[in-house]
Amino acid sequence: MRCLERSKASFRPLVGLLSVIALVYLNFGDKISYSFPLLLQWQLPTLTFVSTNASHFVETTTGRPLFINGWNSYWLMHQSIWTPSRARVSKMLRHGAQMGMTVCRTWAFSDGGPNALQISPGVFDERVFQALDFVIVEARRHRIRLILSLVNNLNAFGGKTQYVRWAQAAGVNVTSSADSFFSHPIIKGYYKDYIKSVLTRKNSLTGVKYFDESAIFAWELMNEPRCASSSSAPTLQAWIAEMAAFIKSLDQKHLVTVGLEGFYGTTEKSGVNPGDWATSLGSDFIKNSAIEHIDFASVHAYPDSWLPKADLEEKVKYLSLWVDSHVNDGNQGKTRWSRSLDLAATG
């Protein structure tokens, strides 16, 4: 009897210790996990990498079709810079998962200006990089894969204009045209250095390099690339081919997309565009998407701003035409696109 009582007595401190550990973990588990990469890695779910098979997304390891629903929240990294607003990021990803969403598109860039990720070419704010680390971890926690866009066509968050300004400030003989971003070797070098820094980044929370991170669905070359005129179309085409190939030289596990709005640059398809102005922007949905290392195409739609004078019924009708046209083109696949372009080129 005394031995049993001694056993119970020696067991009580262990139970008490385990209870304290459980209580601390339930209240502060995430914070503790974020301090220990191996523990965090153990907690996070395992996701498969994604590939393509004809017009379908598939799991790379099994080849099984993968059907996705997604949304756009460009601000996730920016809001993750400050600890108080990280809860908003976690909440957005959690709600997305609860709604059955599986892919989120967000910015992996902020060039120059306040709270920039890239302060100057090749110079980064580690605090902002750690914010992007957090976004990736939270996405994986909620089984969300990310499309990470690498630069903006617009001036918001720096964009291609910031790269041109950096070159000018360094004394490079470059015009003020933002199209220099697509053509000047120094500026292209800045962008390639940026790509390399992002893809080879080791997540400060998990220790996983970005090119090995399964929560990343794809890299997007640019948010909505456009040129000053259609005469720059060949330059944009060459830039897409060069940058997509560069990413694939560093990372064969992830998909690559351009980030197009979906405008057609050819006369035969220009009638689908929201206006004649769209043909003069240098981008072309079919040509740009048919490039070898581009894995899938994207389409954006802004009927309210594209057709400001149209009523709701006209906008809905146009949007249906816009979507149907791109779905039909997409179903043809890259092989048929390439053959058609080759025929057009040879006359």
Foldseek 3Di string as FASTA:
>chain_A
DVVVVVVVVVVVVVVVVVVVVVVCCVVCVVVVLLVPQVSLVVLFDDFFAWADDFLFIAGPVPRHTDDFDEEEDACQLVQLLDPVSNVVLLVVLQVCLVVVGAEYEYEPFQEDDPPGQHNAQPDGDVSSVLSVLSSLSSNRRSNHAYAYEQAECDCGSHGLQNLVVRCVVVVHPDDSFSLVCLPPPVNLVSSLSSLVCQQQDQRPRNRRGNLRRRSYAEYEHYAAAWHPWLVCLVSNLVSLLVVLVSNCVVHVRHAYAHNHQAAAQDPVPNVLDLDPVSNTGSDHQLSSCLRDSHRDYDHHDDLCVSPVPDDPVVSVVSVVSNVVVVVVVSSVGSVVSVVVVVVVVVD
